[in-house]
Amino acid sequence: MTKTNNMPLWVFLAFSSIETRKGALILIGACALFSIYCLPWPLFFDSPDWFAKIFLIDDWSWVAMMLPITLWYWLSLKWVDKNSGWKNSETEK
């Protein structure tokens, strides 16, 4: 993504190496899925050992970090959408 004069630094840092809206949506989706995985699932269920081995996270530190990051990407996407910051597929051809 090319930085424009009116683009805030926090938006540029979020998508500096992503050129398309589809790429940004993939990034946000991956962050959202990882945020769900980062929940301390073994604390919620009386689970067998194999369940705790699949979900290794047993505290809230990772989800406390992933939720703000996902929110940052989502807010950056909204800003770029509002300000027409994505490349047009017509101009790329």
Protein backbone atom coordinates (compact mmCIF):
# COMPACT_ATOMS: atom_id res chain seq x y z
CA MET A 1 0.00 0.00 0.00
CA THR A 2 1.27 3.42 -0.87
CA LYS A 3 1.08 6.04 1.88
CA THR A 4 -0.93 9.09 0.95
CA ASN A 5 -0.67 12.51 2.57
CA ASN A 6 -3.87 12.11 4.58
CA MET A 7 -3.25 8.50 5.67
CA PRO A 8 -2.53 8.14 9.40
CA LEU A 9 0.62 6.29 10.37
CA TRP A 10 -1.34 3.62 12.27
CA VAL A 11 -3.24 2.71 9.08
CA PHE A 12 -0.10 2.62 6.96
CA LEU A 13 1.69 0.39 9.49
CA ALA A 14 -1.22 -2.05 9.53
CA PHE A 15 -1.28 -2.60 5.77
CA SER A 16 2.13 -1.43 4.53
CA SER A 17 2.84 -4.73 2.73
CA ILE A 18 -0.76 -5.55 1.73
CA GLU A 19 -1.93 -4.23 -1.61
CA THR A 20 -5.54 -5.43 -1.84
CA ARG A 21 -8.67 -5.44 0.26
CA LYS A 22 -8.85 -9.22 -0.12
CA GLY A 23 -5.40 -9.54 1.44
CA ALA A 24 -6.47 -7.34 4.34
CA LEU A 25 -9.60 -9.43 4.87
CA ILE A 26 -7.49 -12.61 4.92
CA LEU A 27 -5.21 -11.04 7.53
CA ILE A 28 -8.15 -9.96 9.70
CA GLY A 29 -9.78 -13.39 9.37
CA ALA A 30 -6.57 -15.16 10.37
CA CYS A 31 -6.18 -12.85 13.37
CA ALA A 32 -9.79 -13.47 14.42
CA LEU A 33 -9.36 -17.25 14.17
CA PHE A 34 -6.11 -17.14 16.12
CA SER A 35 -7.83 -14.96 18.75
CA ILE A 36 -10.46 -17.67 19.20
CA TYR A 37 -7.76 -20.34 19.41
CA CYS A 38 -5.94 -18.26 22.06
CA LEU A 39 -8.81 -18.48 24.50
CA PRO A 40 -7.76 -20.68 27.44
CA TRP A 41 -10.09 -23.53 26.45
CA PRO A 42 -8.72 -26.07 29.00
CA LEU A 43 -9.90 -23.76 31.80
CA PHE A 44 -13.50 -23.90 30.55
CA PHE A 45 -13.85 -27.67 30.31
CA ASP A 46 -12.90 -30.62 32.46
CA SER A 47 -11.00 -32.05 29.56
CA PRO A 48 -8.83 -35.07 28.89
CA ASP A 49 -5.07 -34.70 28.42
CA TRP A 50 -5.24 -34.73 24.62
CA PHE A 51 -7.50 -31.66 24.66
CA ALA A 52 -5.00 -29.72 26.75
CA LYS A 53 -2.24 -30.76 24.33
CA ILE A 54 -4.15 -29.37 21.34
CA PHE A 55 -5.01 -26.11 23.11
CA LEU A 56 -1.71 -25.31 24.81
CA ILE A 57 -2.68 -21.88 26.06
CA ASP A 58 -3.84 -21.89 29.66
CA ASP A 59 -3.91 -18.17 30.48
CA TRP A 60 -5.42 -14.98 29.09
CA SER A 61 -2.21 -13.26 27.94
CA TRP A 62 -2.39 -14.25 24.25
CA VAL A 63 -6.05 -13.36 23.80
CA ALA A 64 -5.41 -10.05 25.60
CA MET A 65 -2.86 -9.27 22.90
CA MET A 66 -4.73 -10.68 19.88
CA LEU A 67 -8.03 -8.85 20.40
CA PRO A 68 -6.50 -5.34 20.21
CA ILE A 69 -4.42 -6.34 17.19
CA THR A 70 -7.50 -7.66 15.39
CA LEU A 71 -9.39 -4.49 16.30
CA TRP A 72 -6.49 -2.36 14.97
CA TYR A 73 -6.56 -4.19 11.62
CA TRP A 74 -10.35 -3.93 11.41
CA LEU A 75 -10.33 -0.18 12.16
CA SER A 76 -7.55 0.31 9.60
CA LEU A 77 -9.63 -1.55 7.02
CA LYS A 78 -12.61 0.72 7.74
CA TRP A 79 -10.42 3.82 7.35
CA VAL A 80 -8.99 2.64 4.02
CA ASP A 81 -12.47 1.68 2.75
CA LYS A 82 -13.85 5.09 3.70
CA ASN A 83 -10.98 6.95 2.05
CA SER A 84 -10.72 4.83 -1.13
CA GLY A 85 -7.21 3.67 -0.41
CA TRP A 86 -7.27 0.36 -2.27
CA LYS A 87 -5.95 -0.01 -5.77
CA ASN A 88 -8.57 -0.31 -8.47
CA SER A 89 -8.45 -3.56 -10.40
CA GLU A 90 -9.16 -1.50 -13.51
CA THR A 91 -5.97 0.57 -13.12
CA GLU A 92 -3.80 -2.50 -12.47
CA LYS A 93 -4.42 -3.93 -15.96
